Each structure stands twice: as structure tokens, then as C-alpha cells.
């Protein structure tokens, strides 16, 4: 059982379409749902250990720009071309929006060619691109060099208030324990009734053995 959670969007400048999507989106993947439940339980255990009298807590999240570019890869050891071999691309990330694909070899950022001397300095610039300005990325894909470009518009995390109802978990735990106890009592009662029937039957058999049959 996890605590009940409610949230309220607090940003006043959220586009109507985005706000509607946020309010109606309630489907998580199995992996994210597991992580979410684990996080809620960890928060519950932490608060219970520090302030067990609290019935609810509220987390205030301020608006934040997500500057993570959204890719991961390995440096290509070959010299032709030297660059970053893309292994994964995050969904809805800037990397996906510009059109990067798995197995692309990233060789240039804004026209600057990767080399062994500068690749570790150039890659972090993907997280510091000027918002609203056009940037370009050159990759080698299936033997061809392709240059992709677009305006840099990172995803913004909206502000919200998240309320975690700690008391709801306590109530649920009590209900579950009560149901479990009722089930145990029913099973015990059933076993006792069956046991009594076996004793009566044995006694009947015993009397029937001593009593003449007609």
C-alpha cells in the first residue's frame, strides 16, 4: 500500500494544451510505476521516523528548465570519423526532437569538429546551448554525413504542489490487517468445524460397531 497523492499545478503561464495533457495524463510504464511506489514508501517511512504525528506533507516544486540533451553513447575509437556513437536517446528529449537516431556517430556541434583533444570539452556544451537560438549537429548515418539543425527549446518542468496523504496509508494498512485477521478467523473456524465432524463421525462409527445391526 502506498500513500494517496494529489497535485495542483501552480504555473500561470502553461499553454492550455500542455496543462490539459498534464491534468489527464495518468499512465506510467511498469518501471516508472515501480519507482514511483518505492519513492512514496521511502518518503512515508522517512516522515514516520521523524514526525509520526504528521498526517500529510506538501512538496512545492518550482518551475525548472530541463537542459539535459537526452542522449548517451560511447566515444568512437576509429579516426574516420572520430566522434560519439549514440547508444540511447531519451523520449521527448532535445536529441529526439532534432532527429538524432541510435547508431548515429556525432561528429560536429555547431560546426566544431570533434577530436581526441576537444571532445570532452565540446560534449558538455550540449547542456549550455542558448535558449531560442538555432544550433546544428552533424552526424554520420549509414555512410552519409547529415547536418541537423533547429532552435533550442528545452523542456520546462512546470511548478506544482504535491500533497502526500500519509494517513491514507495508515488507514489502508489497518484495513488490510483487519481483513487478514478476519480471513484467518474464518479459516480457523472452518478447520474446527471440519475437525468436530470427524470426531462425531468416528464416534458414530464406534457405536455402530458395538450395536447389532438389523
C-alpha atoms as a PDB file:
ATOM      1  CA  UNK A   1       0.000   0.000   0.000  1.00  0.00           C
ATOM      2  CA  UNK A   2       1.288   3.458  -0.909  1.00  0.00           C
ATOM      3  CA  UNK A   3       0.037   6.847   0.336  1.00  0.00           C
ATOM      4  CA  UNK A   4      -2.610   8.658  -1.687  1.00  0.00           C
ATOM      5  CA  UNK A   5      -1.195  11.608  -3.646  1.00  0.00           C
ATOM      6  CA  UNK A   6      -2.800  14.723  -5.120  1.00  0.00           C
ATOM      7  CA  UNK A   7      -1.219  17.602  -7.007  1.00  0.00           C
ATOM      8  CA  UNK A   8      -2.043  21.098  -8.169  1.00  0.00           C
ATOM      9  CA  UNK A   9      -0.366  22.978 -10.999  1.00  0.00           C
ATOM     10  CA  UNK A  10       0.783  26.405  -9.857  1.00  0.00           C
ATOM     11  CA  UNK A  11       2.265  27.901 -13.042  1.00  0.00           C
ATOM     12  CA  UNK A  12       0.107  30.618 -14.574  1.00  0.00           C
ATOM     13  CA  UNK A  13       1.789  30.624 -17.991  1.00  0.00           C
ATOM     14  CA  UNK A  14       1.296  26.989 -19.011  1.00  0.00           C
ATOM     15  CA  UNK A  15      -0.162  26.587 -22.533  1.00  0.00           C
ATOM     16  CA  UNK A  16      -3.737  25.289 -22.381  1.00  0.00           C
ATOM     17  CA  UNK A  17      -2.881  22.159 -24.393  1.00  0.00           C
ATOM     18  CA  UNK A  18       0.059  21.298 -22.138  1.00  0.00           C
ATOM     19  CA  UNK A  19      -1.974  21.891 -18.981  1.00  0.00           C
ATOM     20  CA  UNK A  20      -4.749  19.620 -20.264  1.00  0.00           C
ATOM     21  CA  UNK A  21      -2.240  16.884 -21.069  1.00  0.00           C
ATOM     22  CA  UNK A  22      -0.674  17.166 -17.626  1.00  0.00           C
ATOM     23  CA  UNK A  23      -4.024  17.018 -15.872  1.00  0.00           C
ATOM     24  CA  UNK A  24      -5.275  13.994 -17.794  1.00  0.00           C
ATOM     25  CA  UNK A  25      -2.034  12.002 -18.158  1.00  0.00           C
ATOM     26  CA  UNK A  26      -2.089   9.179 -15.635  1.00  0.00           C
ATOM     27  CA  UNK A  27      -0.356   6.249 -17.314  1.00  0.00           C
ATOM     28  CA  UNK A  28       3.134   5.247 -16.232  1.00  0.00           C
ATOM     29  CA  UNK A  29       5.267   2.432 -17.540  1.00  0.00           C
ATOM     30  CA  UNK A  30       5.691  -0.566 -15.240  1.00  0.00           C
ATOM     31  CA  UNK A  31       9.246   0.508 -14.427  1.00  0.00           C
ATOM     32  CA  UNK A  32       8.277   4.098 -13.585  1.00  0.00           C
ATOM     33  CA  UNK A  33       5.259   2.937 -11.608  1.00  0.00           C
ATOM     34  CA  UNK A  34       7.504   0.687  -9.513  1.00  0.00           C
ATOM     35  CA  UNK A  35       9.981   3.518  -8.918  1.00  0.00           C
ATOM     36  CA  UNK A  36       7.116   5.868  -8.035  1.00  0.00           C
ATOM     37  CA  UNK A  37       5.684   3.439  -5.481  1.00  0.00           C
ATOM     38  CA  UNK A  38       9.124   2.864  -3.970  1.00  0.00           C
ATOM     39  CA  UNK A  39       9.670   6.623  -3.662  1.00  0.00           C
ATOM     40  CA  UNK A  40       6.298   7.130  -1.956  1.00  0.00           C
ATOM     41  CA  UNK A  41       7.085   4.351   0.534  1.00  0.00           C
ATOM     42  CA  UNK A  42      10.530   5.797   1.257  1.00  0.00           C
ATOM     43  CA  UNK A  43       9.018   9.230   1.888  1.00  0.00           C
ATOM     44  CA  UNK A  44       6.392   7.677   4.146  1.00  0.00           C
ATOM     45  CA  UNK A  45       8.973   5.717   6.164  1.00  0.00           C
ATOM     46  CA  UNK A  46      11.227   8.768   6.479  1.00  0.00           C
ATOM     47  CA  UNK A  47       8.456  11.056   7.739  1.00  0.00           C
ATOM     48  CA  UNK A  48       7.152   8.382  10.105  1.00  0.00           C
ATOM     49  CA  UNK A  49      10.606   8.042  11.640  1.00  0.00           C
ATOM     50  CA  UNK A  50      10.997  11.820  12.085  1.00  0.00           C
ATOM     51  CA  UNK A  51       7.491  13.123  12.730  1.00  0.00           C
ATOM     52  CA  UNK A  52       4.940  10.296  13.095  1.00  0.00           C
ATOM     53  CA  UNK A  53       2.227  12.767  14.127  1.00  0.00           C
ATOM     54  CA  UNK A  54       2.092  14.306  10.625  1.00  0.00           C
ATOM     55  CA  UNK A  55      -0.911  13.225   8.590  1.00  0.00           C
ATOM     56  CA  UNK A  56       0.185  14.809   5.298  1.00  0.00           C
ATOM     57  CA  UNK A  57       3.099  16.652   3.715  1.00  0.00           C
ATOM     58  CA  UNK A  58       3.218  19.021   0.742  1.00  0.00           C
ATOM     59  CA  UNK A  59       6.128  19.323  -1.668  1.00  0.00           C
ATOM     60  CA  UNK A  60       6.414  22.606  -3.580  1.00  0.00           C
ATOM     61  CA  UNK A  61       8.224  22.281  -6.912  1.00  0.00           C
ATOM     62  CA  UNK A  62       9.380  25.454  -8.620  1.00  0.00           C
ATOM     63  CA  UNK A  63       9.463  25.771 -12.439  1.00  0.00           C
ATOM     64  CA  UNK A  64      12.698  24.488 -13.915  1.00  0.00           C
ATOM     65  CA  UNK A  65      14.226  24.175 -17.378  1.00  0.00           C
ATOM     66  CA  UNK A  66      15.427  20.688 -18.252  1.00  0.00           C
ATOM     67  CA  UNK A  67      18.729  21.268 -20.047  1.00  0.00           C
ATOM     68  CA  UNK A  68      19.627  17.597 -20.392  1.00  0.00           C
ATOM     69  CA  UNK A  69      20.123  16.941 -24.091  1.00  0.00           C
ATOM     70  CA  UNK A  70      18.857  13.389 -23.806  1.00  0.00           C
ATOM     71  CA  UNK A  71      21.438  11.043 -25.298  1.00  0.00           C
ATOM     72  CA  UNK A  72      24.143   8.647 -24.196  1.00  0.00           C
ATOM     73  CA  UNK A  73      26.898   6.950 -26.135  1.00  0.00           C
ATOM     74  CA  UNK A  74      30.496   5.838 -26.396  1.00  0.00           C
ATOM     75  CA  UNK A  75      33.452   7.585 -27.966  1.00  0.00           C
ATOM     76  CA  UNK A  76      34.349   6.050 -31.312  1.00  0.00           C
ATOM     77  CA  UNK A  77      37.952   4.871 -31.258  1.00  0.00           C
ATOM     78  CA  UNK A  78      38.217   4.968 -35.037  1.00  0.00           C
ATOM     79  CA  UNK A  79      39.624   8.069 -36.694  1.00  0.00           C
ATOM     80  CA  UNK A  80      37.220   8.045 -39.626  1.00  0.00           C
ATOM     81  CA  UNK A  81      35.134   9.551 -38.327  1.00  0.00           C
ATOM     82  CA  UNK A  82      36.069  10.312 -34.735  1.00  0.00           C
ATOM     83  CA  UNK A  83      33.068  11.130 -32.577  1.00  0.00           C
ATOM     84  CA  UNK A  84      30.395   9.827 -30.255  1.00  0.00           C
ATOM     85  CA  UNK A  85      28.425   6.705 -31.201  1.00  0.00           C
ATOM     86  CA  UNK A  86      24.874   7.285 -29.953  1.00  0.00           C
ATOM     87  CA  UNK A  87      23.574   4.302 -27.974  1.00  0.00           C
ATOM     88  CA  UNK A  88      20.369   5.633 -26.408  1.00  0.00           C
ATOM     89  CA  UNK A  89      18.068   8.610 -26.943  1.00  0.00           C
ATOM     90  CA  UNK A  90      15.537   9.728 -24.350  1.00  0.00           C
ATOM     91  CA  UNK A  91      11.905  10.073 -25.368  1.00  0.00           C
ATOM     92  CA  UNK A  92      10.727  13.696 -25.872  1.00  0.00           C
ATOM     93  CA  UNK A  93      14.286  14.948 -25.412  1.00  0.00           C
ATOM     94  CA  UNK A  94      16.065  17.633 -27.453  1.00  0.00           C
ATOM     95  CA  UNK A  95      18.118  14.862 -29.050  1.00  0.00           C
ATOM     96  CA  UNK A  96      14.940  13.155 -30.283  1.00  0.00           C
ATOM     97  CA  UNK A  97      13.358  16.425 -31.400  1.00  0.00           C
ATOM     98  CA  UNK A  98      16.289  17.375 -33.637  1.00  0.00           C
ATOM     99  CA  UNK A  99      16.182  13.942 -35.286  1.00  0.00           C
ATOM    100  CA  UNK A 100      19.129  12.018 -33.839  1.00  0.00           C
ATOM    101  CA  UNK A 101      18.932   8.236 -34.019  1.00  0.00           C
ATOM    102  CA  UNK A 102      20.570   5.313 -32.327  1.00  0.00           C
ATOM    103  CA  UNK A 103      23.866   4.315 -34.012  1.00  0.00           C
ATOM    104  CA  UNK A 104      24.427   7.830 -35.404  1.00  0.00           C
ATOM    105  CA  UNK A 105      28.030   8.988 -34.979  1.00  0.00           C
ATOM    106  CA  UNK A 106      28.049  12.537 -33.656  1.00  0.00           C
ATOM    107  CA  UNK A 107      30.986  14.357 -35.242  1.00  0.00           C
ATOM    108  CA  UNK A 108      30.251  18.110 -35.001  1.00  0.00           C
ATOM    109  CA  UNK A 109      28.416  20.595 -32.777  1.00  0.00           C
ATOM    110  CA  UNK A 110      27.743  23.984 -34.374  1.00  0.00           C
ATOM    111  CA  UNK A 111      30.363  23.264 -36.988  1.00  0.00           C
ATOM    112  CA  UNK A 112      33.088  22.354 -34.491  1.00  0.00           C
ATOM    113  CA  UNK A 113      34.676  19.019 -35.410  1.00  0.00           C
ATOM    114  CA  UNK A 114      35.272  16.513 -32.633  1.00  0.00           C
ATOM    115  CA  UNK A 115      38.842  15.440 -31.964  1.00  0.00           C
ATOM    116  CA  UNK A 116      40.543  13.478 -29.245  1.00  0.00           C
ATOM    117  CA  UNK A 117      41.670  16.770 -27.730  1.00  0.00           C
ATOM    118  CA  UNK A 118      38.338  18.572 -27.583  1.00  0.00           C
ATOM    119  CA  UNK A 119      35.517  16.002 -27.395  1.00  0.00           C
ATOM    120  CA  UNK A 120      35.347  16.064 -23.593  1.00  0.00           C
ATOM    121  CA  UNK A 121      35.056  19.852 -23.704  1.00  0.00           C
ATOM    122  CA  UNK A 122      32.547  20.038 -26.579  1.00  0.00           C
ATOM    123  CA  UNK A 123      30.029  17.436 -25.378  1.00  0.00           C
ATOM    124  CA  UNK A 124      29.060  19.380 -22.206  1.00  0.00           C
ATOM    125  CA  UNK A 125      28.161  22.391 -24.389  1.00  0.00           C
ATOM    126  CA  UNK A 126      25.004  20.491 -25.379  1.00  0.00           C
ATOM    127  CA  UNK A 127      23.657  21.384 -21.935  1.00  0.00           C
ATOM    128  CA  UNK A 128      24.523  25.085 -22.229  1.00  0.00           C
ATOM    129  CA  UNK A 129      23.109  25.991 -25.635  1.00  0.00           C
ATOM    130  CA  UNK A 130      21.454  29.451 -25.737  1.00  0.00           C
ATOM    131  CA  UNK A 131      17.682  29.086 -25.477  1.00  0.00           C
ATOM    132  CA  UNK A 132      15.869  30.231 -28.606  1.00  0.00           C
ATOM    133  CA  UNK A 133      18.934  30.194 -30.840  1.00  0.00           C
ATOM    134  CA  UNK A 134      19.470  27.809 -33.748  1.00  0.00           C
ATOM    135  CA  UNK A 135      22.106  25.120 -33.285  1.00  0.00           C
ATOM    136  CA  UNK A 136      23.392  22.378 -35.577  1.00  0.00           C
ATOM    137  CA  UNK A 137      24.640  18.846 -35.131  1.00  0.00           C
ATOM    138  CA  UNK A 138      26.442  16.810 -37.777  1.00  0.00           C
ATOM    139  CA  UNK A 139      26.322  13.014 -37.694  1.00  0.00           C
ATOM    140  CA  UNK A 140      27.436  10.141 -39.873  1.00  0.00           C
ATOM    141  CA  UNK A 141      24.456   7.885 -40.601  1.00  0.00           C
ATOM    142  CA  UNK A 142      24.642   4.832 -42.849  1.00  0.00           C
ATOM    143  CA  UNK A 143      27.780   6.140 -44.527  1.00  0.00           C
ATOM    144  CA  UNK A 144      26.427   9.644 -45.157  1.00  0.00           C
ATOM    145  CA  UNK A 145      27.174  12.878 -43.274  1.00  0.00           C
ATOM    146  CA  UNK A 146      23.978  14.697 -42.265  1.00  0.00           C
ATOM    147  CA  UNK A 147      23.629  18.085 -40.587  1.00  0.00           C
ATOM    148  CA  UNK A 148      20.558  18.627 -38.416  1.00  0.00           C
ATOM    149  CA  UNK A 149      19.507  21.977 -37.014  1.00  0.00           C
ATOM    150  CA  UNK A 150      16.701  23.612 -35.054  1.00  0.00           C
ATOM    151  CA  UNK A 151      16.050  26.249 -32.408  1.00  0.00           C
ATOM    152  CA  UNK A 152      16.984  25.177 -28.921  1.00  0.00           C
ATOM    153  CA  UNK A 153      13.808  24.976 -26.854  1.00  0.00           C
ATOM    154  CA  UNK A 154      14.432  22.740 -23.829  1.00  0.00           C
ATOM    155  CA  UNK A 155      11.508  21.233 -21.966  1.00  0.00           C
ATOM    156  CA  UNK A 156      10.322  23.248 -18.967  1.00  0.00           C
ATOM    157  CA  UNK A 157       9.148  21.441 -15.858  1.00  0.00           C
ATOM    158  CA  UNK A 158       6.048  23.192 -14.542  1.00  0.00           C
ATOM    159  CA  UNK A 159       5.586  24.321 -10.958  1.00  0.00           C
ATOM    160  CA  UNK A 160       3.251  22.261  -8.789  1.00  0.00           C
ATOM    161  CA  UNK A 161       2.275  21.422  -5.236  1.00  0.00           C
ATOM    162  CA  UNK A 162       2.303  17.702  -4.431  1.00  0.00           C
ATOM    163  CA  UNK A 163       0.410  16.569  -1.324  1.00  0.00           C
ATOM    164  CA  UNK A 164       1.134  13.123   0.100  1.00  0.00           C
ATOM    165  CA  UNK A 165      -1.608  11.818   2.398  1.00  0.00           C
ATOM    166  CA  UNK A 166       0.387   9.816   4.941  1.00  0.00           C
ATOM    167  CA  UNK A 167      -2.697   8.974   6.988  1.00  0.00           C
ATOM    168  CA  UNK A 168      -4.237   7.197   3.986  1.00  0.00           C
ATOM    169  CA  UNK A 169      -1.527   4.536   4.119  1.00  0.00           C
ATOM    170  CA  UNK A 170      -2.045   4.030   7.839  1.00  0.00           C
ATOM    171  CA  UNK A 171      -5.784   3.604   7.281  1.00  0.00           C
ATOM    172  CA  UNK A 172      -5.175   1.196   4.416  1.00  0.00           C
ATOM    173  CA  UNK A 173      -2.704  -0.838   6.481  1.00  0.00           C
ATOM    174  CA  UNK A 174      -5.237  -1.101   9.304  1.00  0.00           C
ATOM    175  CA  UNK A 175      -7.959  -2.226   6.875  1.00  0.00           C
ATOM    176  CA  UNK A 176      -5.663  -4.824   5.304  1.00  0.00           C
ATOM    177  CA  UNK A 177      -4.654  -6.138   8.727  1.00  0.00           C
ATOM    178  CA  UNK A 178      -8.329  -6.307   9.751  1.00  0.00           C
ATOM    179  CA  UNK A 179      -9.274  -8.226   6.583  1.00  0.00           C
ATOM    180  CA  UNK A 180      -6.334 -10.584   7.065  1.00  0.00           C
ATOM    181  CA  UNK A 181      -7.401 -11.262  10.663  1.00  0.00           C
ATOM    182  CA  UNK A 182     -10.986 -11.938   9.547  1.00  0.00           C
ATOM    183  CA  UNK A 183      -9.733 -14.397   6.927  1.00  0.00           C
ATOM    184  CA  UNK A 184      -7.562 -16.167   9.495  1.00  0.00           C
ATOM    185  CA  UNK A 185     -10.518 -16.423  11.877  1.00  0.00           C
ATOM    186  CA  UNK A 186     -12.725 -17.854   9.124  1.00  0.00           C
ATOM    187  CA  UNK A 187     -10.119 -20.452   8.167  1.00  0.00           C
ATOM    188  CA  UNK A 188      -9.668 -21.439  11.804  1.00  0.00           C
ATOM    189  CA  UNK A 189     -13.424 -21.706  12.299  1.00  0.00           C
ATOM    190  CA  UNK A 190     -13.716 -23.881   9.178  1.00  0.00           C
ATOM    191  CA  UNK A 191     -10.946 -26.199  10.371  1.00  0.00           C
ATOM    192  CA  UNK A 192     -12.600 -26.508  13.787  1.00  0.00           C
ATOM    193  CA  UNK A 193     -15.953 -27.391  12.216  1.00  0.00           C
ATOM    194  CA  UNK A 194     -14.330 -29.994   9.994  1.00  0.00           C
ATOM    195  CA  UNK A 195     -12.440 -31.366  12.961  1.00  0.00           C
ATOM    196  CA  UNK A 196     -15.623 -31.685  15.032  1.00  0.00           C
ATOM    197  CA  UNK A 197     -17.327 -33.502  12.196  1.00  0.00           C
ATOM    198  CA  UNK A 198     -14.507 -36.031  12.034  1.00  0.00           C
ATOM    199  CA  UNK A 199     -14.798 -36.685  15.787  1.00  0.00           C
ATOM    200  CA  UNK A 200     -18.569 -37.154  15.594  1.00  0.00           C
ATOM    201  CA  UNK A 201     -18.183 -39.465  12.624  1.00  0.00           C
ATOM    202  CA  UNK A 202     -15.594 -41.551  14.461  1.00  0.00           C
ATOM    203  CA  UNK A 203     -17.907 -41.808  17.451  1.00  0.00           C
ATOM    204  CA  UNK A 204     -20.796 -42.854  15.247  1.00  0.00           C
ATOM    205  CA  UNK A 205     -18.628 -45.490  13.653  1.00  0.00           C
ATOM    206  CA  UNK A 206     -17.593 -46.729  17.086  1.00  0.00           C
ATOM    207  CA  UNK A 207     -21.196 -47.019  18.282  1.00  0.00           C
ATOM    208  CA  UNK A 208     -22.248 -48.720  15.107  1.00  0.00           C
ATOM    209  CA  UNK A 209     -19.600 -51.379  15.659  1.00  0.00           C
ATOM    210  CA  UNK A 210     -20.871 -52.261  19.180  1.00  0.00           C
ATOM    211  CA  UNK A 211     -24.554 -52.064  18.330  1.00  0.00           C
ATOM    212  CA  UNK A 212     -26.180 -55.040  16.495  1.00  0.00           C
ATOM    213  CA  UNK A 213     -27.302 -54.272  13.033  1.00  0.00           C
ATOM    214  CA  UNK A 214     -30.896 -55.002  11.934  1.00  0.00           C
END
